[in-house]
């Protein structure tokens, strides 16, 4: 339910196709400001049965009002945009972001938000699809980081992703730079399935699981991220024991991949050379994928960064989906059991320090 400050409950997160939307998030632990790069349609490389994104309801005339060049085609990763169209989109996004931050800042001292949840906890790239598919993703990430540091420096910067962008070298490099560098981007990486069968059930995708997970392991060797796993039933069945065992072992492999030390073989990166990598940031700003600007990255300096998983999020289905009733809620006791099993497994293998959290 939306209150007078326009903050939506979780069930209304995607009630409109807007560029910026405030929402109370269970995993953020409070107020999250969402960034949606797909205004007119859902654009995603997965078709998850639990996905909460419904078809757009925003009238076309509103799209034209907000964007002087319209909105059709902005969501396509292959679309060629003029500089005027790109600038118009980014200007509109920045205006809306600043407006929402200003509006929500006034809520802090009022009673609209629950006690302790009145500050913006994070700014999160999520929205109606896979953010890394947007042709605006990299410049939008740079802009949002800049505005965040100016207006709400205590807020985290989050990307919620299915990880298919790791298969594109330019996105692999940009995300690694953002996670290791000044933006300290917290990448919430989807790992819903570790066997081919459950992966394809959960993703609805023909992308080879093995290729995608190999990219995850390469990324884990270079940068930190948060593992996020949706736990639900599909067609009335919870994940089989074989899937649970494979998933725990893959989480362990991700942890092990993050343990590269000096003198060992360097992890494979995307398309950028080490010299180009060091030029991915300049004064804290993420450069375009072409790597035209930059300063050194913290992950290439003397102090080695945290790499691989730094936490695991297990969360259950909590909102309606266009695919209902195919995906169903898992019992809370099942999620707790999965979390306890993973904690024990990680502890046995030397990773007791990695927190495993459950969100119902």
Protein backbone atom coordinates (compact mmCIF):
# COMPACT_ATOMS: atom_id res chain seq x y z
CA UNK A 1 0.00 0.00 0.00
CA UNK A 2 1.37 3.42 -0.95
CA UNK A 3 1.44 6.23 1.63
CA UNK A 4 1.34 9.95 1.04
CA UNK A 5 5.07 10.13 0.45
CA UNK A 6 4.78 7.66 -2.43
CA UNK A 7 6.66 4.85 -0.69
CA UNK A 8 5.36 1.48 -1.83
CA UNK A 9 5.00 -1.71 0.09
CA UNK A 10 6.90 -4.72 -1.28
CA UNK A 11 3.80 -6.02 -3.03
CA UNK A 12 3.56 -2.79 -5.05
CA UNK A 13 7.22 -2.50 -5.99
CA UNK A 14 6.46 -2.65 -9.71
CA UNK A 15 2.97 -1.17 -9.65
CA UNK A 16 4.15 1.39 -12.21
CA UNK A 17 6.91 1.39 -14.79
CA UNK A 18 8.85 4.37 -13.42
CA UNK A 19 12.55 5.16 -13.48
CA UNK A 20 12.96 5.61 -9.73
CA UNK A 21 10.79 4.04 -7.04
CA UNK A 22 11.05 3.94 -3.25
CA UNK A 23 10.21 0.67 -1.54
CA UNK A 24 10.58 -0.92 1.87
CA UNK A 25 12.90 -3.87 1.24
CA UNK A 26 13.22 -6.86 3.54
CA UNK A 27 16.77 -7.59 2.37
CA UNK A 28 17.90 -3.96 2.63
CA UNK A 29 16.42 -3.80 6.11
CA UNK A 30 14.50 -0.62 5.37
CA UNK A 31 14.05 1.98 2.68
CA UNK A 32 15.53 1.19 -0.74
CA UNK A 33 15.47 3.54 -3.72
CA UNK A 34 15.12 1.43 -6.86
CA UNK A 35 16.52 2.33 -10.27
CA UNK A 36 14.55 0.94 -13.23
CA UNK A 37 16.23 1.28 -16.63
CA UNK A 38 13.31 -0.28 -18.55
CA UNK A 39 10.41 2.13 -18.64
CA UNK A 40 8.15 0.74 -21.33
CA UNK A 41 8.65 -3.04 -21.11
CA UNK A 42 10.25 -5.90 -19.21
CA UNK A 43 13.67 -6.79 -20.65
CA UNK A 44 15.41 -9.80 -19.15
CA UNK A 45 17.64 -12.71 -20.16
CA UNK A 46 15.76 -14.96 -17.71
CA UNK A 47 12.08 -15.83 -17.40
CA UNK A 48 11.94 -16.87 -13.75
CA UNK A 49 8.64 -18.46 -12.71
CA UNK A 50 8.62 -16.40 -9.50
CA UNK A 51 9.29 -13.06 -11.23
CA UNK A 52 7.06 -10.31 -9.88
CA UNK A 53 7.17 -8.01 -12.92
CA UNK A 54 3.77 -7.66 -14.56
CA UNK A 55 3.11 -6.05 -17.99
CA UNK A 56 3.38 -2.24 -17.97
CA UNK A 57 0.34 -0.14 -17.13
CA UNK A 58 1.79 3.32 -17.66
CA UNK A 59 -0.11 5.16 -20.44
CA UNK A 60 1.88 6.02 -23.55
CA UNK A 61 1.10 9.71 -23.16
CA UNK A 62 2.90 9.69 -19.81
CA UNK A 63 5.95 8.17 -21.44
CA UNK A 64 6.00 10.91 -24.03
CA UNK A 65 5.56 13.55 -21.33
CA UNK A 66 8.53 12.26 -19.31
CA UNK A 67 10.78 11.70 -22.32
CA UNK A 68 10.90 14.13 -25.22
CA UNK A 69 12.06 11.32 -27.55
CA UNK A 70 9.53 8.79 -26.27
CA UNK A 71 10.45 5.57 -24.51
CA UNK A 72 10.01 2.83 -27.09
CA UNK A 73 13.22 0.93 -27.72
CA UNK A 74 15.06 2.30 -24.67
CA UNK A 75 14.94 -1.14 -23.10
CA UNK A 76 16.59 -3.03 -25.94
CA UNK A 77 20.27 -3.88 -25.36
CA UNK A 78 20.92 -3.77 -29.11
CA UNK A 79 19.24 -0.45 -29.87
CA UNK A 80 21.38 2.35 -31.31
CA UNK A 81 20.60 5.65 -29.62
CA UNK A 82 21.58 9.14 -30.62
CA UNK A 83 23.50 11.27 -28.15
CA UNK A 84 20.36 13.39 -27.68
CA UNK A 85 18.29 10.33 -26.75
CA UNK A 86 20.96 9.06 -24.36
CA UNK A 87 21.34 12.45 -22.71
CA UNK A 88 17.56 12.91 -22.42
CA UNK A 89 17.19 9.57 -20.67
CA UNK A 90 20.06 10.17 -18.24
CA UNK A 91 18.89 13.71 -17.47
CA UNK A 92 15.39 12.44 -16.69
CA UNK A 93 16.80 9.67 -14.51
CA UNK A 94 18.99 12.09 -12.56
CA UNK A 95 16.12 14.53 -12.08
CA UNK A 96 13.87 11.79 -10.72
CA UNK A 97 16.64 10.43 -8.49
CA UNK A 98 17.33 13.85 -6.97
CA UNK A 99 13.60 14.47 -6.53
CA UNK A 100 13.05 11.18 -4.69
CA UNK A 101 16.08 11.67 -2.44
CA UNK A 102 14.86 15.15 -1.52
CA UNK A 103 11.34 13.90 -0.90
CA UNK A 104 12.43 10.93 1.20
CA UNK A 105 14.85 13.04 3.19
CA UNK A 106 11.83 14.95 4.51
CA UNK A 107 10.30 11.69 5.77
CA UNK A 108 13.05 11.12 8.34
CA UNK A 109 11.41 13.17 11.04
CA UNK A 110 7.83 12.17 10.25
CA UNK A 111 5.69 9.17 11.02
CA UNK A 112 5.22 7.86 7.49
CA UNK A 113 7.94 5.24 7.81
CA UNK A 114 8.35 2.62 10.53
CA UNK A 115 10.73 3.54 13.33
CA UNK A 116 14.36 2.89 12.39
CA UNK A 117 13.57 2.57 8.69
CA UNK A 118 13.34 6.22 7.67
CA UNK A 119 16.76 6.66 6.07
CA UNK A 120 17.64 5.49 2.56
CA UNK A 121 19.53 2.24 3.14
CA UNK A 122 20.58 1.75 -0.47
CA UNK A 123 20.09 2.77 -4.07
CA UNK A 124 19.48 -0.40 -6.04
CA UNK A 125 19.59 -1.16 -9.76
CA UNK A 126 16.73 -3.64 -10.15
CA UNK A 127 13.51 -2.67 -11.88
CA UNK A 128 11.73 -4.46 -14.68
CA UNK A 129 14.39 -6.79 -16.01
CA UNK A 130 18.14 -7.41 -16.01
CA UNK A 131 19.81 -3.99 -15.49
CA UNK A 132 23.03 -4.89 -17.33
CA UNK A 133 21.05 -5.37 -20.56
CA UNK A 134 20.25 -1.67 -20.72
CA UNK A 135 22.38 0.44 -23.08
CA UNK A 136 22.29 3.04 -20.29
CA UNK A 137 23.60 0.80 -17.52
CA UNK A 138 27.25 1.89 -17.36
CA UNK A 139 26.67 5.66 -17.65
CA UNK A 140 23.68 5.40 -15.30
CA UNK A 141 25.85 3.61 -12.74
CA UNK A 142 28.40 6.41 -12.90
CA UNK A 143 25.70 9.08 -12.54
CA UNK A 144 23.92 7.37 -9.65
CA UNK A 145 27.22 6.92 -7.81
CA UNK A 146 27.96 10.63 -8.25
CA UNK A 147 24.54 11.74 -6.99
CA UNK A 148 24.67 9.27 -4.10
CA UNK A 149 28.04 10.59 -2.91
CA UNK A 150 26.70 14.13 -3.13
CA UNK A 151 23.35 13.63 -1.39
CA UNK A 152 23.27 10.31 0.53
CA UNK A 153 26.84 9.03 0.96
CA UNK A 154 25.78 6.64 3.72
CA UNK A 155 23.52 4.70 1.33
CA UNK A 156 24.90 1.55 -0.28
CA UNK A 157 24.95 1.12 -4.05
CA UNK A 158 23.44 -2.23 -5.10
CA UNK A 159 23.01 -4.14 -8.34
CA UNK A 160 20.50 -7.00 -8.35
CA UNK A 161 21.51 -9.20 -11.27
CA UNK A 162 21.16 -12.68 -12.72
CA UNK A 163 24.81 -12.51 -13.76
CA UNK A 164 24.33 -13.00 -17.49
CA UNK A 165 26.13 -9.69 -18.01
CA UNK A 166 29.32 -11.50 -16.92
CA UNK A 167 29.25 -13.24 -20.31
CA UNK A 168 29.88 -9.87 -21.99
CA UNK A 169 33.51 -8.74 -21.49
CA UNK A 170 32.66 -5.03 -21.32
CA UNK A 171 30.08 -5.61 -18.56
CA UNK A 172 32.37 -8.07 -16.73
CA UNK A 173 35.08 -5.40 -16.61
CA UNK A 174 32.73 -2.56 -15.66
CA UNK A 175 31.21 -4.54 -12.78
CA UNK A 176 34.61 -5.65 -11.52
CA UNK A 177 35.81 -2.06 -11.56
CA UNK A 178 32.71 -0.84 -9.72
CA UNK A 179 32.85 -3.61 -7.10
CA UNK A 180 36.57 -3.14 -6.41
CA UNK A 181 36.76 0.62 -6.81
CA UNK A 182 35.36 3.65 -5.03
CA UNK A 183 31.67 2.99 -5.78
CA UNK A 184 31.96 -0.22 -3.72
CA UNK A 185 29.09 -1.63 -5.74
CA UNK A 186 27.39 -4.44 -3.83
CA UNK A 187 26.48 -6.97 -6.52
CA UNK A 188 23.64 -9.29 -5.51
CA UNK A 189 24.31 -12.24 -7.78
CA UNK A 190 21.55 -14.74 -8.45
CA UNK A 191 22.52 -18.38 -7.85
CA UNK A 192 19.14 -20.12 -7.86
CA UNK A 193 20.20 -23.48 -9.29
CA UNK A 194 23.39 -25.54 -9.37
CA UNK A 195 22.20 -28.52 -11.42
CA UNK A 196 21.14 -28.15 -15.03
CA UNK A 197 17.57 -29.24 -14.33
CA UNK A 198 16.86 -26.89 -11.43
CA UNK A 199 18.77 -24.02 -13.04
CA UNK A 200 16.60 -24.18 -16.16
CA UNK A 201 13.43 -24.53 -14.09
CA UNK A 202 14.29 -21.47 -12.05
CA UNK A 203 15.66 -19.32 -14.86
CA UNK A 204 13.40 -20.29 -17.76
CA UNK A 205 16.49 -19.72 -19.88
CA UNK A 206 18.35 -21.71 -22.52
CA UNK A 207 21.68 -20.18 -21.44
CA UNK A 208 24.07 -23.03 -20.54
CA UNK A 209 24.39 -23.18 -16.76
CA UNK A 210 28.00 -24.35 -16.92
CA UNK A 211 29.13 -21.38 -19.04
CA UNK A 212 27.37 -18.93 -16.75
CA UNK A 213 28.76 -20.46 -13.58
CA UNK A 214 32.27 -20.51 -15.03
CA UNK A 215 31.91 -16.74 -15.50
CA UNK A 216 30.78 -16.47 -11.86
CA UNK A 217 33.92 -18.30 -10.74
CA UNK A 218 36.14 -15.99 -12.82
CA UNK A 219 34.42 -12.99 -11.27
CA UNK A 220 34.76 -14.42 -7.76
CA UNK A 221 38.52 -14.61 -8.27
CA UNK A 222 38.67 -10.84 -8.75
CA UNK A 223 35.83 -9.09 -6.92
CA UNK A 224 33.39 -9.32 -4.00
CA UNK A 225 29.66 -9.89 -4.26
CA UNK A 226 26.60 -11.12 -2.38
CA UNK A 227 25.06 -14.46 -3.35
CA UNK A 228 21.27 -14.31 -3.57
CA UNK A 229 19.22 -17.49 -3.86
CA UNK A 230 15.45 -17.68 -4.27
CA UNK A 231 14.05 -20.73 -2.48
CA UNK A 232 10.61 -21.76 -3.67
CA UNK A 233 8.71 -24.72 -5.05
CA UNK A 234 8.24 -25.23 -8.78
CA UNK A 235 5.12 -27.06 -9.93
CA UNK A 236 4.57 -28.13 -6.33
CA UNK A 237 8.06 -29.56 -5.74
CA UNK A 238 10.87 -28.13 -3.62
CA UNK A 239 14.47 -28.54 -4.84
CA UNK A 240 15.60 -32.18 -4.70
CA UNK A 241 18.41 -33.21 -2.35
CA UNK A 242 20.79 -33.52 -5.29
CA UNK A 243 20.21 -29.84 -6.11
CA UNK A 244 20.75 -28.72 -2.51
CA UNK A 245 24.04 -30.62 -2.31
CA UNK A 246 25.23 -29.26 -5.67
CA UNK A 247 24.26 -25.71 -4.63
CA UNK A 248 26.24 -25.91 -1.39
CA UNK A 249 29.28 -27.20 -3.26
CA UNK A 250 29.03 -24.41 -5.83
CA UNK A 251 28.87 -21.77 -3.07
CA UNK A 252 32.03 -23.36 -1.66
CA UNK A 253 33.71 -23.21 -5.08
CA UNK A 254 32.88 -19.50 -5.27
CA UNK A 255 34.46 -18.98 -1.86
CA UNK A 256 37.56 -20.91 -2.88
CA UNK A 257 37.85 -18.94 -6.13
CA UNK A 258 38.10 -15.75 -4.07
CA UNK A 259 41.24 -16.96 -2.31
CA UNK A 260 43.80 -16.20 -5.04
CA UNK A 261 47.06 -15.02 -3.47
CA UNK A 262 50.13 -13.26 -4.78
CA UNK A 263 52.23 -15.45 -7.01
CA UNK A 264 49.37 -17.61 -8.16
CA UNK A 265 47.99 -17.52 -11.64
CA UNK A 266 46.04 -14.33 -12.28
CA UNK A 267 42.30 -14.79 -12.85
CA UNK A 268 40.93 -14.37 -16.30
CA UNK A 269 39.28 -11.01 -16.80
CA UNK A 270 37.15 -9.56 -19.53
CA UNK A 271 38.45 -7.58 -22.48
CA UNK A 272 40.53 -4.97 -20.62
CA UNK A 273 44.26 -5.25 -20.04
CA UNK A 274 45.61 -4.53 -16.52
CA UNK A 275 46.68 -1.08 -17.69
CA UNK A 276 43.20 -0.34 -18.98
CA UNK A 277 41.75 -1.70 -15.76
CA UNK A 278 43.64 0.89 -13.78
CA UNK A 279 41.97 3.53 -15.93
CA UNK A 280 38.41 2.48 -15.19
CA UNK A 281 37.96 5.18 -12.58
CA UNK A 282 38.90 8.80 -12.38
CA UNK A 283 38.14 10.72 -9.22
CA UNK A 284 35.65 8.05 -8.28
CA UNK A 285 33.76 8.09 -11.56
CA UNK A 286 33.17 4.94 -13.57
CA UNK A 287 34.14 5.48 -17.17
CA UNK A 288 32.15 4.15 -20.13
CA UNK A 289 32.79 0.55 -21.16
CA UNK A 290 35.36 1.76 -23.64
CA UNK A 291 37.66 2.62 -20.68
CA UNK A 292 38.54 6.12 -21.84
CA UNK A 293 39.20 7.64 -18.39
CA UNK A 294 40.49 6.53 -15.11
CA UNK A 295 42.56 6.22 -11.98
CA UNK A 296 43.77 3.18 -10.11
CA UNK A 297 41.36 0.57 -8.72
CA UNK A 298 41.56 -0.51 -5.11
CA UNK A 299 41.58 -4.14 -6.28
CA UNK A 300 44.87 -3.52 -8.12
CA UNK A 301 46.59 -1.69 -5.31
CA UNK A 302 48.69 -2.95 -2.40
CA UNK A 303 45.91 -4.00 -0.03
CA UNK A 304 44.17 -7.09 -1.39
CA UNK A 305 40.39 -6.73 -1.40
CA UNK A 306 37.75 -9.17 -0.26
CA UNK A 307 36.93 -11.38 -3.23
CA UNK A 308 34.20 -13.90 -3.84
CA UNK A 309 31.05 -14.18 -1.68
CA UNK A 310 30.93 -11.96 1.38
CA UNK A 311 27.43 -13.04 2.39
CA UNK A 312 24.62 -15.32 1.23
CA UNK A 313 20.97 -14.24 1.03
CA UNK A 314 18.33 -16.96 1.09
CA UNK A 315 14.92 -15.49 0.39
CA UNK A 316 11.45 -16.86 -0.21
CA UNK A 317 8.66 -15.98 -2.62
CA UNK A 318 6.65 -13.18 -1.05
CA UNK A 319 4.86 -11.41 -3.91
CA UNK A 320 2.47 -12.30 -6.74
CA UNK A 321 3.88 -13.34 -10.11
CA UNK A 322 2.47 -13.40 -13.64
CA UNK A 323 3.39 -17.10 -13.68
CA UNK A 324 1.35 -17.96 -10.56
CA UNK A 325 0.65 -20.60 -9.39
CA UNK A 326 3.69 -22.31 -10.95
CA UNK A 327 6.08 -21.05 -8.24
CA UNK A 328 5.02 -21.52 -4.64
CA UNK A 329 6.21 -20.34 -1.23
CA UNK A 330 8.58 -22.64 0.62
CA UNK A 331 7.85 -23.19 4.33
CA UNK A 332 9.92 -20.84 6.54
CA UNK A 333 11.27 -23.91 8.35
CA UNK A 334 12.67 -25.18 5.03
CA UNK A 335 14.56 -21.93 4.40
CA UNK A 336 15.97 -22.02 7.92
CA UNK A 337 17.02 -25.63 7.42
CA UNK A 338 18.78 -24.76 4.15
CA UNK A 339 20.58 -21.86 5.84
CA UNK A 340 21.69 -23.98 8.79
CA UNK A 341 22.98 -26.69 6.46
CA UNK A 342 25.00 -24.17 4.42
CA UNK A 343 26.42 -22.55 7.54
CA UNK A 344 27.60 -25.93 8.78
CA UNK A 345 29.07 -26.84 5.39
CA UNK A 346 30.96 -23.54 5.11
CA UNK A 347 32.22 -23.87 8.68
CA UNK A 348 33.54 -27.36 7.98
CA UNK A 349 35.49 -25.96 5.03
CA UNK A 350 36.94 -22.90 6.74
CA UNK A 351 34.38 -20.24 5.78
CA UNK A 352 32.44 -19.81 9.02
CA UNK A 353 32.96 -16.03 8.73
CA UNK A 354 30.60 -15.74 5.73
CA UNK A 355 27.11 -14.87 7.02
CA UNK A 356 24.10 -16.78 5.68
CA UNK A 357 20.90 -14.77 6.11
CA UNK A 358 17.25 -15.79 5.63
CA UNK A 359 14.59 -13.34 4.40
CA UNK A 360 10.98 -14.54 4.55
